[in-house]
Each structure stands twice: as C-alpha cells, then as structure tokens.
Amino acid sequence: MKTVVTLEKDRNTDFETRSLDTICVNESHLEHSWVHNLKYSLMGILFGIILVKAEVISWFRIQEMFRLQSFHMYGIIGSAVAVGALSVWLIRKFNIKTFYGEEITLHPKEFNKGQIWGGLFFGLGWAITGACPGPLFATIGSGATVIVVSLLSAIAGTWVYGKFRDKLPH
C-alpha cells in the first residue's frame, strides 16, 4: 500500500473560496452552435433597454439612493432580491432542471470577512462613479461614453484582485 504525504503548503485550506474557480458548476455540457448564443445576446440587449428605461443606470438615481433621498433604486434592488429568493426556493422545492433537462446545483456559501471588505469597496466605487458594474455596458450603449473609464477601472480592479488573491485573507 502506497502512502501519500501532503505538505501543508500543498493542501488547499481555502476550499470554499476557491472551489468554484475554474468553471461554473452549472455549466452546460451540451454542444451548441454559435447561433444558439444569439438568443442570449438578444435577451441581454432587451435587459439593457429595460435598465435604461427604468433609470437604473442614471447617475442621478444612484446618487439619490446613496444620499437616502429616494426609494426608486431600493425598490428595484429589493424586487430583484425577492425574485431571486423566490426563484432559488422554487428551484430547490421542485428540483427544477434547465430547458435541456440538466440539473441545477446550488452550493451553500459560508460567510467570511472578505465579503465585508469586498462589499465596502464595491459600494464605494459605485457611489463615486455612479455606475454599478452590472449595467456598465447599458450605460455606455445609452451614450454615456465617459463610463468607459469606470469599465476599464473595473477590469483593472479585477486584474489586481486576481494578481494578489493568494496573498489576501479570505
């Protein structure tokens, strides 16, 4: 019988944070042609139009939210959280599968202090720029091309995190 020795430095002690790094656990294993992705592009464009019409990308609406002057953004965010929570509950309760019959796996997440720091930096960037990373492309598409600076900053921040991730506390 062969004995395997694992050195402390080789053992992954941060499994929860890094376990889902390389691929999405719900990634489809079905092969589709590139035309198949056209429906996702159309849904993204439609969603971008909805974001613009709902004024979710408005710098003024975002500033109102952070100054606690308006319920508009809190109502939108709250309804999105409610829809998401209901969707997750329905998926778990009825074991809902994808349109193609593939199982949806929902992994439990553990809280860690990095989420506090990440949330603070996220909120700070959102408040300073008036641009949430989600609808950046819709904002640029609506003609606010100055938001390209925010997009490039978000990309740079993601790169910096990836570069120093192993040295950061999780």
N, C-alpha and C. Protein backbone atom coordinates (compact mmCIF):
# COMPACT_ATOMS: atom_id res chain seq x y z
N MET A 1 0.84 -1.17 0.00
CA MET A 1 0.00 0.00 0.00
C MET A 1 0.88 1.23 0.00
N LYS A 2 0.58 2.17 -0.87
CA LYS A 2 1.37 3.38 -1.02
C LYS A 2 0.80 4.48 -0.13
N THR A 3 1.66 5.18 0.59
CA THR A 3 1.24 6.28 1.46
C THR A 3 1.54 7.60 0.76
N VAL A 4 0.53 8.48 0.74
CA VAL A 4 0.69 9.79 0.12
C VAL A 4 0.85 10.81 1.23
N VAL A 5 1.91 11.61 1.13
CA VAL A 5 2.16 12.65 2.11
C VAL A 5 1.84 14.00 1.47
N THR A 6 0.99 14.75 2.14
CA THR A 6 0.63 16.08 1.65
C THR A 6 1.29 17.11 2.53
N LEU A 7 2.09 17.95 1.92
CA LEU A 7 2.71 19.03 2.67
C LEU A 7 1.69 20.10 2.97
N GLU A 8 1.86 20.81 4.09
CA GLU A 8 0.92 21.85 4.49
C GLU A 8 0.76 22.91 3.41
N LYS A 9 1.86 23.30 2.74
CA LYS A 9 1.77 24.33 1.72
C LYS A 9 1.05 23.85 0.46
N ASP A 10 0.98 22.52 0.24
CA ASP A 10 0.31 21.98 -0.94
C ASP A 10 -1.18 21.75 -0.71
N ARG A 11 -1.61 21.76 0.54
CA ARG A 11 -3.01 21.47 0.85
C ARG A 11 -3.84 22.72 0.65
N ASN A 12 -5.00 22.55 0.03
CA ASN A 12 -5.90 23.68 -0.20
C ASN A 12 -6.75 23.89 1.04
N THR A 13 -6.34 24.85 1.87
CA THR A 13 -7.06 25.12 3.12
C THR A 13 -8.20 26.11 2.92
N ASP A 14 -8.31 26.66 1.76
CA ASP A 14 -9.32 27.67 1.50
C ASP A 14 -10.29 27.15 0.44
N PHE A 15 -10.75 25.93 0.62
CA PHE A 15 -11.53 25.25 -0.40
C PHE A 15 -12.81 25.98 -0.74
N GLU A 16 -13.53 26.48 0.26
CA GLU A 16 -14.82 27.13 -0.02
C GLU A 16 -14.67 28.31 -0.96
N THR A 17 -13.65 29.14 -0.73
CA THR A 17 -13.47 30.33 -1.55
C THR A 17 -13.01 29.98 -2.95
N ARG A 18 -12.17 28.99 -3.08
CA ARG A 18 -11.54 28.71 -4.36
C ARG A 18 -12.10 27.48 -5.08
N SER A 19 -13.10 26.81 -4.51
CA SER A 19 -13.56 25.55 -5.07
C SER A 19 -14.24 25.71 -6.42
N LEU A 20 -14.79 26.87 -6.70
CA LEU A 20 -15.54 27.04 -7.93
C LEU A 20 -14.83 27.97 -8.90
N ASP A 21 -13.49 28.00 -8.84
CA ASP A 21 -12.72 28.95 -9.62
C ASP A 21 -12.79 28.76 -11.13
N THR A 22 -12.54 27.58 -11.59
CA THR A 22 -12.24 27.43 -13.00
C THR A 22 -13.45 27.31 -13.91
N ILE A 23 -14.50 26.66 -13.44
CA ILE A 23 -15.68 26.53 -14.29
C ILE A 23 -16.92 26.73 -13.44
N CYS A 24 -17.97 27.04 -14.09
CA CYS A 24 -19.25 27.15 -13.41
C CYS A 24 -19.78 25.74 -13.17
N VAL A 25 -20.25 25.47 -11.95
CA VAL A 25 -20.73 24.13 -11.64
C VAL A 25 -21.99 23.80 -12.43
N ASN A 26 -22.70 24.81 -12.88
CA ASN A 26 -23.91 24.58 -13.67
C ASN A 26 -23.66 24.77 -15.16
N GLU A 27 -22.40 24.75 -15.55
CA GLU A 27 -22.07 24.93 -16.97
C GLU A 27 -22.67 23.78 -17.77
N SER A 28 -23.29 24.14 -18.87
CA SER A 28 -23.90 23.13 -19.72
C SER A 28 -22.81 22.31 -20.40
N HIS A 29 -23.04 21.02 -20.47
CA HIS A 29 -22.10 20.13 -21.15
C HIS A 29 -22.59 19.78 -22.55
N LEU A 30 -23.69 20.41 -22.95
CA LEU A 30 -24.22 20.18 -24.29
C LEU A 30 -23.47 21.05 -25.29
N GLU A 31 -23.32 20.55 -26.49
CA GLU A 31 -22.65 21.30 -27.56
C GLU A 31 -23.71 22.00 -28.41
N HIS A 32 -23.56 23.32 -28.56
CA HIS A 32 -24.47 24.10 -29.38
C HIS A 32 -23.67 24.92 -30.38
N SER A 33 -24.30 25.25 -31.50
CA SER A 33 -23.62 26.11 -32.48
C SER A 33 -23.61 27.53 -31.96
N TRP A 34 -22.81 28.38 -32.58
CA TRP A 34 -22.69 29.77 -32.16
C TRP A 34 -24.01 30.51 -32.29
N VAL A 35 -24.87 30.08 -33.20
CA VAL A 35 -26.16 30.72 -33.41
C VAL A 35 -27.04 30.55 -32.17
N HIS A 36 -26.81 29.48 -31.44
CA HIS A 36 -27.57 29.20 -30.22
C HIS A 36 -27.40 30.34 -29.21
N ASN A 37 -26.25 30.96 -29.18
CA ASN A 37 -25.99 32.05 -28.24
C ASN A 37 -26.65 33.37 -28.64
N LEU A 38 -27.20 33.42 -29.83
CA LEU A 38 -27.86 34.63 -30.30
C LEU A 38 -29.03 35.02 -29.40
N LYS A 39 -29.75 34.02 -28.89
CA LYS A 39 -30.89 34.33 -28.02
C LYS A 39 -30.42 34.99 -26.72
N TYR A 40 -29.24 34.63 -26.23
CA TYR A 40 -28.71 35.27 -25.02
C TYR A 40 -28.29 36.71 -25.31
N SER A 41 -27.76 36.95 -26.49
CA SER A 41 -27.42 38.32 -26.87
C SER A 41 -28.67 39.18 -26.98
N LEU A 42 -29.71 38.64 -27.57
CA LEU A 42 -30.96 39.39 -27.69
C LEU A 42 -31.58 39.66 -26.32
N MET A 43 -31.52 38.69 -25.42
CA MET A 43 -32.04 38.91 -24.06
C MET A 43 -31.19 39.95 -23.33
N GLY A 44 -29.89 39.96 -23.54
CA GLY A 44 -29.02 40.96 -22.93
C GLY A 44 -29.34 42.36 -23.43
N ILE A 45 -29.59 42.48 -24.72
CA ILE A 45 -29.96 43.78 -25.30
C ILE A 45 -31.30 44.24 -24.73
N LEU A 46 -32.27 43.33 -24.65
CA LEU A 46 -33.58 43.67 -24.08
C LEU A 46 -33.43 44.08 -22.61
N PHE A 47 -32.62 43.36 -21.86
CA PHE A 47 -32.40 43.70 -20.46
C PHE A 47 -31.73 45.07 -20.33
N GLY A 48 -30.79 45.38 -21.21
CA GLY A 48 -30.14 46.69 -21.21
C GLY A 48 -31.15 47.80 -21.48
N ILE A 49 -32.06 47.58 -22.41
CA ILE A 49 -33.10 48.57 -22.70
C ILE A 49 -33.98 48.77 -21.47
N ILE A 50 -34.33 47.69 -20.79
CA ILE A 50 -35.15 47.79 -19.57
C ILE A 50 -34.41 48.58 -18.50
N LEU A 51 -33.10 48.33 -18.34
CA LEU A 51 -32.31 49.09 -17.36
C LEU A 51 -32.31 50.58 -17.67
N VAL A 52 -32.18 50.92 -18.95
CA VAL A 52 -32.19 52.33 -19.35
C VAL A 52 -33.55 52.95 -19.08
N LYS A 53 -34.62 52.28 -19.47
CA LYS A 53 -35.97 52.82 -19.31
C LYS A 53 -36.37 52.92 -17.83
N ALA A 54 -35.86 52.02 -16.99
CA ALA A 54 -36.18 52.06 -15.56
C ALA A 54 -35.29 53.04 -14.80
N GLU A 55 -34.40 53.69 -15.52
CA GLU A 55 -33.46 54.67 -14.95
C GLU A 55 -32.51 54.06 -13.93
N VAL A 56 -32.26 52.77 -14.04
CA VAL A 56 -31.33 52.10 -13.14
C VAL A 56 -29.90 52.56 -13.40
N ILE A 57 -29.62 52.98 -14.62
CA ILE A 57 -28.26 53.40 -14.96
C ILE A 57 -28.05 54.90 -14.77
N SER A 58 -29.07 55.60 -14.29
CA SER A 58 -28.98 57.04 -14.13
C SER A 58 -28.07 57.41 -12.96
N TRP A 59 -27.08 58.22 -13.24
CA TRP A 59 -26.16 58.68 -12.19
C TRP A 59 -26.95 59.39 -11.10
N PHE A 60 -27.95 60.17 -11.49
CA PHE A 60 -28.76 60.92 -10.52
C PHE A 60 -29.55 59.98 -9.61
N ARG A 61 -30.10 58.91 -10.18
CA ARG A 61 -30.85 57.94 -9.38
C ARG A 61 -29.92 57.24 -8.38
N ILE A 62 -28.73 56.91 -8.83
CA ILE A 62 -27.77 56.23 -7.96
C ILE A 62 -27.33 57.16 -6.83
N GLN A 63 -27.09 58.43 -7.16
CA GLN A 63 -26.72 59.39 -6.11
C GLN A 63 -27.87 59.60 -5.12
N GLU A 64 -29.11 59.64 -5.62
CA GLU A 64 -30.27 59.75 -4.73
C GLU A 64 -30.32 58.58 -3.75
N MET A 65 -29.99 57.40 -4.26
CA MET A 65 -30.00 56.21 -3.40
C MET A 65 -28.97 56.34 -2.29
N PHE A 66 -27.74 56.70 -2.64
CA PHE A 66 -26.68 56.77 -1.64
C PHE A 66 -26.87 57.95 -0.68
N ARG A 67 -27.65 58.93 -1.08
CA ARG A 67 -27.96 60.05 -0.18
C ARG A 67 -29.26 59.82 0.59
N LEU A 68 -29.86 58.64 0.40
CA LEU A 68 -31.13 58.27 1.04
C LEU A 68 -32.24 59.27 0.73
N GLN A 69 -32.27 59.77 -0.49
CA GLN A 69 -33.26 60.75 -0.90
C GLN A 69 -34.41 60.15 -1.70
N SER A 70 -34.28 58.89 -2.14
CA SER A 70 -35.31 58.30 -2.98
C SER A 70 -35.37 56.79 -2.76
N PHE A 71 -36.58 56.27 -2.90
CA PHE A 71 -36.80 54.83 -2.74
C PHE A 71 -36.64 54.08 -4.07
N HIS A 72 -36.54 54.78 -5.18
CA HIS A 72 -36.55 54.19 -6.52
C HIS A 72 -35.59 53.00 -6.64
N MET A 73 -34.32 53.23 -6.36
CA MET A 73 -33.31 52.17 -6.53
C MET A 73 -33.49 51.06 -5.49
N TYR A 74 -33.85 51.42 -4.26
CA TYR A 74 -34.08 50.40 -3.24
C TYR A 74 -35.24 49.51 -3.62
N GLY A 75 -36.27 50.09 -4.24
CA GLY A 75 -37.40 49.29 -4.70
C GLY A 75 -37.00 48.32 -5.79
N ILE A 76 -36.17 48.77 -6.72
CA ILE A 76 -35.71 47.90 -7.81
C ILE A 76 -34.81 46.79 -7.27
N ILE A 77 -33.86 47.18 -6.42
CA ILE A 77 -32.95 46.18 -5.84
C ILE A 77 -33.72 45.20 -4.97
N GLY A 78 -34.65 45.71 -4.17
CA GLY A 78 -35.45 44.84 -3.31
C GLY A 78 -36.31 43.87 -4.10
N SER A 79 -36.91 44.35 -5.19
CA SER A 79 -37.72 43.44 -6.00
C SER A 79 -36.84 42.39 -6.69
N ALA A 80 -35.61 42.76 -7.07
CA ALA A 80 -34.69 41.79 -7.68
C ALA A 80 -34.29 40.73 -6.65
N VAL A 81 -34.04 41.15 -5.41
CA VAL A 81 -33.71 40.19 -4.35
C VAL A 81 -34.90 39.25 -4.10
N ALA A 82 -36.11 39.80 -4.07
CA ALA A 82 -37.31 38.98 -3.85
C ALA A 82 -37.50 37.97 -4.98
N VAL A 83 -37.34 38.41 -6.21
CA VAL A 83 -37.49 37.49 -7.35
C VAL A 83 -36.40 36.41 -7.31
N GLY A 84 -35.17 36.81 -6.98
CA GLY A 84 -34.08 35.84 -6.88
C GLY A 84 -34.32 34.83 -5.77
N ALA A 85 -34.77 35.29 -4.60
CA ALA A 85 -35.03 34.39 -3.48
C ALA A 85 -36.17 33.42 -3.83
N LEU A 86 -37.22 33.94 -4.44
CA LEU A 86 -38.34 33.09 -4.85
C LEU A 86 -37.88 32.06 -5.89
N SER A 87 -37.05 32.50 -6.83
CA SER A 87 -36.55 31.58 -7.87
C SER A 87 -35.72 30.46 -7.26
N VAL A 88 -34.81 30.80 -6.34
CA VAL A 88 -33.98 29.78 -5.69
C VAL A 88 -34.86 28.82 -4.89
N TRP A 89 -35.85 29.35 -4.19
CA TRP A 89 -36.76 28.50 -3.41
C TRP A 89 -37.50 27.53 -4.33
N LEU A 90 -38.01 28.04 -5.46
CA LEU A 90 -38.74 27.19 -6.40
C LEU A 90 -37.83 26.12 -7.02
N ILE A 91 -36.61 26.50 -7.36
CA ILE A 91 -35.66 25.53 -7.93
C ILE A 91 -35.39 24.42 -6.94
N ARG A 92 -35.17 24.77 -5.68
CA ARG A 92 -34.90 23.74 -4.65
C ARG A 92 -36.15 22.91 -4.34
N LYS A 93 -37.29 23.56 -4.19
CA LYS A 93 -38.53 22.88 -3.79
C LYS A 93 -38.98 21.87 -4.83
N PHE A 94 -38.94 22.26 -6.09
CA PHE A 94 -39.47 21.41 -7.15
C PHE A 94 -38.37 20.75 -7.99
N ASN A 95 -37.11 20.87 -7.56
CA ASN A 95 -35.98 20.27 -8.27
C ASN A 95 -36.04 20.60 -9.76
N ILE A 96 -36.19 21.87 -10.06
CA ILE A 96 -36.34 22.34 -11.44
C ILE A 96 -35.03 22.14 -12.19
N LYS A 97 -35.15 21.72 -13.42
CA LYS A 97 -33.99 21.50 -14.27
C LYS A 97 -33.97 22.56 -15.38
N THR A 98 -32.89 22.61 -16.13
CA THR A 98 -32.79 23.56 -17.23
C THR A 98 -33.74 23.13 -18.36
N PHE A 99 -33.87 24.00 -19.38
CA PHE A 99 -34.72 23.66 -20.54
C PHE A 99 -34.27 22.36 -21.20
N TYR A 100 -33.00 22.03 -21.05
CA TYR A 100 -32.44 20.84 -21.70
C TYR A 100 -32.36 19.65 -20.77
N GLY A 101 -32.97 19.76 -19.58
CA GLY A 101 -33.03 18.64 -18.65
C GLY A 101 -31.82 18.49 -17.74
N GLU A 102 -30.93 19.45 -17.73
CA GLU A 102 -29.74 19.36 -16.88
C GLU A 102 -30.07 19.83 -15.47
N GLU A 103 -29.45 19.19 -14.48
CA GLU A 103 -29.69 19.53 -13.09
C GLU A 103 -29.04 20.87 -12.73
N ILE A 104 -29.70 21.64 -11.88
CA ILE A 104 -29.16 22.91 -11.37
C ILE A 104 -28.64 22.64 -9.97
N THR A 105 -27.37 22.92 -9.73
CA THR A 105 -26.76 22.69 -8.43
C THR A 105 -26.56 24.02 -7.72
N LEU A 106 -27.10 24.14 -6.52
CA LEU A 106 -26.94 25.34 -5.71
C LEU A 106 -26.10 25.00 -4.48
N HIS A 107 -24.89 25.53 -4.43
CA HIS A 107 -23.98 25.24 -3.33
C HIS A 107 -24.17 26.23 -2.19
N PRO A 108 -24.14 25.76 -0.95
CA PRO A 108 -24.21 26.69 0.18
C PRO A 108 -22.92 27.51 0.27
N LYS A 109 -23.06 28.74 0.65
CA LYS A 109 -21.90 29.63 0.78
C LYS A 109 -21.68 29.96 2.25
N GLU A 110 -20.43 29.99 2.65
CA GLU A 110 -20.10 30.36 4.02
C GLU A 110 -19.67 31.82 4.06
N PHE A 111 -20.04 32.51 5.12
CA PHE A 111 -19.67 33.90 5.29
C PHE A 111 -18.19 34.00 5.66
N ASN A 112 -17.50 35.02 5.10
CA ASN A 112 -16.13 35.30 5.53
C ASN A 112 -15.91 36.81 5.49
N LYS A 113 -14.90 37.27 6.20
CA LYS A 113 -14.67 38.71 6.35
C LYS A 113 -14.31 39.41 5.04
N GLY A 114 -13.83 38.70 4.07
CA GLY A 114 -13.53 39.29 2.77
C GLY A 114 -14.77 39.84 2.09
N GLN A 115 -15.94 39.28 2.41
CA GLN A 115 -17.18 39.78 1.83
C GLN A 115 -17.51 41.18 2.33
N ILE A 116 -17.13 41.48 3.57
CA ILE A 116 -17.35 42.83 4.11
C ILE A 116 -16.48 43.82 3.36
N TRP A 117 -15.19 43.51 3.24
CA TRP A 117 -14.27 44.41 2.52
C TRP A 117 -14.67 44.56 1.06
N GLY A 118 -15.01 43.44 0.43
CA GLY A 118 -15.44 43.50 -0.96
C GLY A 118 -16.68 44.34 -1.15
N GLY A 119 -17.66 44.19 -0.25
CA GLY A 119 -18.88 44.99 -0.32
C GLY A 119 -18.61 46.47 -0.12
N LEU A 120 -17.69 46.78 0.81
CA LEU A 120 -17.35 48.19 1.04
C LEU A 120 -16.68 48.81 -0.18
N PHE A 121 -15.72 48.09 -0.78
CA PHE A 121 -15.06 48.62 -1.97
C PHE A 121 -16.03 48.72 -3.14
N PHE A 122 -16.90 47.73 -3.28
CA PHE A 122 -17.90 47.75 -4.34
C PHE A 122 -18.81 48.96 -4.18
N GLY A 123 -19.34 49.15 -2.97
CA GLY A 123 -20.23 50.28 -2.71
C GLY A 123 -19.54 51.62 -2.87
N LEU A 124 -18.28 51.70 -2.45
CA LEU A 124 -17.52 52.93 -2.59
C LEU A 124 -17.34 53.29 -4.06
N GLY A 125 -16.95 52.32 -4.85
CA GLY A 125 -16.79 52.56 -6.29
C GLY A 125 -18.10 52.92 -6.96
N TRP A 126 -19.17 52.27 -6.53
CA TRP A 126 -20.49 52.54 -7.07
C TRP A 126 -20.91 53.97 -6.74
N ALA A 127 -20.67 54.39 -5.48
CA ALA A 127 -21.06 55.73 -5.06
C ALA A 127 -20.22 56.81 -5.74
N ILE A 128 -18.93 56.56 -5.90
CA ILE A 128 -18.05 57.56 -6.51
C ILE A 128 -18.34 57.74 -8.00
N THR A 129 -18.46 56.63 -8.70
CA THR A 129 -18.65 56.71 -10.15
C THR A 129 -20.11 56.87 -10.56
N GLY A 130 -21.01 56.45 -9.68
CA GLY A 130 -22.43 56.47 -10.05
C GLY A 130 -22.75 55.40 -11.07
N ALA A 131 -21.92 54.37 -11.14
CA ALA A 131 -22.11 53.31 -12.12
C ALA A 131 -21.92 51.95 -11.46
N CYS A 132 -22.97 51.16 -11.46
CA CYS A 132 -22.89 49.78 -10.95
C CYS A 132 -22.23 48.93 -12.05
N PRO A 133 -21.37 47.99 -11.66
CA PRO A 133 -20.70 47.18 -12.70
C PRO A 133 -21.66 46.39 -13.59
N GLY A 134 -22.82 46.00 -13.06
CA GLY A 134 -23.77 45.23 -13.86
C GLY A 134 -24.20 45.93 -15.13
N PRO A 135 -24.75 47.12 -15.04
CA PRO A 135 -25.24 47.79 -16.24
C PRO A 135 -24.23 48.72 -16.91
N LEU A 136 -22.95 48.51 -16.72
CA LEU A 136 -21.95 49.38 -17.36
C LEU A 136 -22.12 49.42 -18.87
N PHE A 137 -22.34 48.27 -19.46
CA PHE A 137 -22.46 48.22 -20.92
C PHE A 137 -23.73 48.93 -21.40
N ALA A 138 -24.82 48.81 -20.62
CA ALA A 138 -26.05 49.53 -20.98
C ALA A 138 -25.82 51.03 -20.88
N THR A 139 -25.05 51.45 -19.88
CA THR A 139 -24.76 52.88 -19.72
C THR A 139 -23.94 53.38 -20.90
N ILE A 140 -22.94 52.62 -21.29
CA ILE A 140 -22.11 53.01 -22.44
C ILE A 140 -22.97 53.00 -23.71
N GLY A 141 -23.81 51.97 -23.84
CA GLY A 141 -24.68 51.87 -25.01
C GLY A 141 -25.70 52.99 -25.10
N SER A 142 -26.05 53.58 -23.95
CA SER A 142 -27.01 54.69 -23.97
C SER A 142 -26.37 56.01 -24.35
N GLY A 143 -25.04 56.00 -24.54
CA GLY A 143 -24.34 57.20 -24.99
C GLY A 143 -23.44 57.84 -23.97
N ALA A 144 -23.44 57.35 -22.74
CA ALA A 144 -22.57 57.91 -21.70
C ALA A 144 -21.20 57.27 -21.81
N THR A 145 -20.46 57.66 -22.83
CA THR A 145 -19.17 57.01 -23.12
C THR A 145 -18.11 57.27 -22.08
N VAL A 146 -18.29 58.27 -21.22
CA VAL A 146 -17.33 58.53 -20.16
C VAL A 146 -17.26 57.34 -19.18
N ILE A 147 -18.29 56.52 -19.17
CA ILE A 147 -18.34 55.36 -18.28
C ILE A 147 -17.32 54.30 -18.72
N VAL A 148 -16.75 54.46 -19.89
CA VAL A 148 -15.66 53.56 -20.31
C VAL A 148 -14.54 53.59 -19.28
N VAL A 149 -14.32 54.75 -18.66
CA VAL A 149 -13.31 54.87 -17.60
C VAL A 149 -13.67 53.95 -16.44
N SER A 150 -14.94 53.92 -16.05
CA SER A 150 -15.39 53.03 -14.98
C SER A 150 -15.24 51.57 -15.39
N LEU A 151 -15.55 51.25 -16.64
CA LEU A 151 -15.39 49.88 -17.12
C LEU A 151 -13.93 49.45 -17.06
N LEU A 152 -13.04 50.31 -17.55
CA LEU A 152 -11.61 49.99 -17.51
C LEU A 152 -11.11 49.87 -16.06
N SER A 153 -11.64 50.70 -15.17
CA SER A 153 -11.27 50.61 -13.76
C SER A 153 -11.76 49.31 -13.15
N ALA A 154 -12.97 48.88 -13.51
CA ALA A 154 -13.49 47.61 -13.01
C ALA A 154 -12.64 46.44 -13.50
N ILE A 155 -12.25 46.49 -14.75
CA ILE A 155 -11.38 45.45 -15.31
C ILE A 155 -10.03 45.45 -14.61
N ALA A 156 -9.46 46.65 -14.39
CA ALA A 156 -8.16 46.75 -13.70
C ALA A 156 -8.28 46.24 -12.27
N GLY A 157 -9.37 46.58 -11.58
CA GLY A 157 -9.56 46.09 -10.21
C GLY A 157 -9.69 44.59 -10.16
N THR A 158 -10.37 44.01 -11.13
CA THR A 158 -10.49 42.55 -11.20
C THR A 158 -9.13 41.91 -11.44
N TRP A 159 -8.33 42.52 -12.30
CA TRP A 159 -7.00 42.00 -12.58
C TRP A 159 -6.12 42.08 -11.33
N VAL A 160 -6.17 43.21 -10.62
CA VAL A 160 -5.37 43.38 -9.40
C VAL A 160 -5.77 42.34 -8.37
N TYR A 161 -7.07 42.13 -8.20
CA TYR A 161 -7.53 41.10 -7.25
C TYR A 161 -6.99 39.73 -7.65
N GLY A 162 -7.09 39.39 -8.92
CA GLY A 162 -6.58 38.09 -9.38
C GLY A 162 -5.09 37.95 -9.16
N LYS A 163 -4.36 39.04 -9.35
CA LYS A 163 -2.90 39.02 -9.19
C LYS A 163 -2.49 38.79 -7.73
N PHE A 164 -3.19 39.44 -6.80
CA PHE A 164 -2.81 39.37 -5.39
C PHE A 164 -3.73 38.50 -4.55
N ARG A 165 -4.60 37.79 -5.16
CA ARG A 165 -5.60 36.98 -4.48
C ARG A 165 -5.01 35.98 -3.49
N ASP A 166 -3.95 35.32 -3.86
CA ASP A 166 -3.37 34.31 -2.97
C ASP A 166 -2.76 34.93 -1.73
N LYS A 167 -2.46 36.21 -1.76
CA LYS A 167 -1.87 36.87 -0.61
C LYS A 167 -2.90 37.57 0.28
N LEU A 168 -4.16 37.61 -0.18
CA LEU A 168 -5.23 38.28 0.55
C LEU A 168 -5.89 37.33 1.54
N PRO A 169 -6.36 37.86 2.65
CA PRO A 169 -7.07 36.99 3.61
C PRO A 169 -8.48 36.71 3.08
N HIS A 170 -8.85 35.45 3.14
CA HIS A 170 -10.22 35.07 2.74
C HIS A 170 -10.88 34.47 3.95
